[in-house]
Amino acid sequence: MISQRLLLTTAALCLSAQAVAETGSFTVKDIQIQGLMRVSPASVYAQLPINTGDVVDDAKIALAIRQLFATGSFEDISLARDGDVLIVNVIERPSIASIKLEGNKAIDTDTLMKALKDAGLVEGEVLKRASLDHIKGELERVYFGQGRYDATISVNNIAKPRNRVAVDVKINEGESARITTINILGNKAFSEKELLKLMQSKATHFTSFFKGDDKYARERLMGDLEALRSFYLDSGYINFAINSHQVTLSQDKKSVFIDISLNEGDKYQFGEPKILGEVPINEQELQKLLLVKSGRDYSQQLVTASSKLMKQRLGSDGYLFSEINPIPEIDEQNKKVNLSFFVNPNKKTYVRRVNFQGNNKTDDHVLRREMRQFEGTLASTDKIDLSKLRLQRLGFFKDVTIETPKVPNTTDQVDLNVKVQEQPSGTLTASVGYSGGSGMIFSLGVSQNNFLGTGNKVGINLNRSETSDNYNISFSDPYFTVDGISRGYNIYYRNTKLDERNISRYATDSQGASLSFGYPIDETKNINFSLGIDQTDITLGTLPSQLVQNFVTEHGNSITSYMGVVSWNYNSLNRGVFATKGASQRLALEFAVPPSDVNYTKLSYAAQIYFPINDDFTVRLRTDLGYGDSLPFYKNYFAGGYGSVRGYRDNTLGPRSPVIANDPDPEVVGGNVLVENSVELIVPTPFAKNYSQLRTVFFVDSGMVYYRNNPPYNFDLSNLRYSAGISIAWLTAIGPLSFSLSRPFNYDEADDRQNFQFTIGQPF
């Protein structure tokens, strides 16, 4: 192809020179360009080394043609003379109107188009003679990298108006070559079986048809080699090296044989570490951060972690761009590595501006008030990390990232670019839902944790179900004052209906209001105070339990209570929704104050903690404990259902009170002692890309409600009910959805069990 182009160019040069030479050299009075369709005349004049008034000869003609060909825009060029006018005739190369890919499934179109773009093949560019072969070769390279050596690519161009072409690419992806064997040579310290476990690439085995881990891919193999290297470096083999790796393809292009040759070298231990260079803080603080200890096996991971910890410590004092360079000195005789950590703090760094991106709904001031790194102050990694954590805890965002680019033309300033990705934080529409315990639920109103982007929590809900009606108006401002004191209001009315679905043989109508304030203690703790009034009217149904009858006889059927609540809260969770690490605790004391019709106290404790195992798996422990003294029956604790002990129907675990002697179906009346615990394993959700919106857990729940000094419901942990199963929660645009499939055990035959439970349109 190249030699053909040279011949055509040479012929054009000769013919053009001959056309001008027939009338001899001449002085150009005018220049005319013919044949242009897409290229502008101005660009041709700019490349043409001939101007009006120039004397044209053979050398200038040849130079002009070479320079115009060099632009790559023309298929053919010829120069001719018409009197004193120089005629430039060109045939433009067509431009690429479109590139269409057909037949690709294993590799998505965006990936293939990016590979073509990186090779300079994009829509709008000139289609050169070699472009079609280039497209084919580039796509074959991508498929060969995925182990699809029998992939075939055919490229055709279809003429379009205005000297354009459409490139039509048909792809037959073929099949990925399968790895038949992986041989590792040179290993002594570790068996081949141990090393193969570190690799994602596997030789064909009985589950390969499902996992697909025996499909060869170049990128995966490169990652496997890096995994082997990291493993040896973390095991003390500082001189480890991979001598070679060879990939052999069978003749039918269906099998791959991989041979890896390595040199382990000797095993080394850490010697005495040193900190050298300019240390702007107390050196002992950095010494405490060194994870490398003399006599311990050498580990590159510990070296990297030590450097990172020291850099972060310096960053907390404003040295955001400090450098920690570990320099190893190998003692071959004693097989030790003496490390010297050279510290270069660079200049202290200040924050010029804090910029927010992605908060299309949330106001800037809502984000800014959570920031602990301020403009015009010394930059601190601790404050930047804390700012990110506080934004994540809001629960408004799927993801939060903070970048610290340097300010141009400065050496000591950075900008903080805070990028957030918003997620649903409530519902703002009418909805229809279903709960296994309440039947159909009709909801109308607004329930928003980030109302109109202000960060305030607003709830105006009208909920009707087959068992109850709930009307509630609530408002909470987390920043009632600039220093973080919160204030909230709540007005409610609840009506319980008597029907066969209702577990009780009585109904309670409650109405009331409360005012609350919250006071921050520090970044993770706060205290809340609340004062409210509640009036509860009791309606007895058919054959109410003896407990309810006794209460109404003693106190009447209309109870007015003035309630105070004091709570202590701790929260170190990394996210407000679907956390993966951290803990939360809440200790609350509720009590009635004079002149209430009843006097009672209620102490509750709730806690949860997350233990990340790795990037994909996390263990969550939860506990809920409660104790009440002189509780009215409608303030009793209940257990069972989603968010409590799954596998048992809502509010059905606990003491039962007979209506009459030998009642075969005594009523669940709750108790004054609550014990609930859960152990959950959070796992990746299959086929889901976004774990921040969807969560799958395997769980074991336990719990029970007791009635102190009321046999046979005295506190006895042997009476705990258990269940195990799987649960999925999904945060959707219209509200949260959650369901669980569980199996109860250690149950009593009288317990009301429910294996499948789900909720739509209500919080989980």
Foldseek 3Di string as FASTA:
>chain_A
DVVVLVVQLVVQLVVQQVQAPVVHKDAAQEEEEPADQPDDPVVLVVQQPDDHRDIDHSVSSSSRSVSVVVVVFFPHWHWHDDPNYIYIYTHTAAFAQEEDEPDDDVDDPVVLVVLCVVVVDDGGHGDHPCNQVVSQVSSCVVLVQQQQNVKGKDWDWDDDPRRHIYIYIYIDSHDFAFEAEEAEPADDPDDPVVLVVQAQADHDDDCCVPVVSRGDHNVSVVVSVVSSVQVLQAQQQVVKDWPDKDWDADPVSRYIYIYTYIHRHDGAAAAAEAEDADDPDPVVVLVVLQPGDHPHTGHPVSVVSSQVVSQQVLQQVQLVPKGWDWDWDADVVRRYTYIYIYIDSFDGAFEAEEAEPAPPQADPVVLVLLQQRDHPDRGHSVRRVSSLLSVQQLQFFLHKDWDWDADPPDRHYTYIYIYTHGDAFWAAAWDWKQWPQFGIKTKGGTFGCQPRNHNKTWTAIWIDTPFKTKGKTKIKDQPPDSVGKIKMKIWMWMWTDDDPSDLFQKIKIKTKMKIKIKADPDSFKIKMKMKMKMKIFIGGHPLGFPLQVVVCVVQNRIWIFIKMKMKMKGWPFSHNAPTAFTKIKMWMKMWTDPPTSFTKIKIKMKMKGWDDPDPFKIKMKIKIKMAMDRDRLVPADFAEDPPGAAFFHPRQFEDFGQSDPPRPQGGRRHAGIKIKMKMKMWGDDPPDDRCSFKTKIKMKIKIHTAHPPDPPRHDDRLQIKMKIWMKMWGQDNRGIKIKIAIDIPSDDPSTHTDRITIMPNDDD
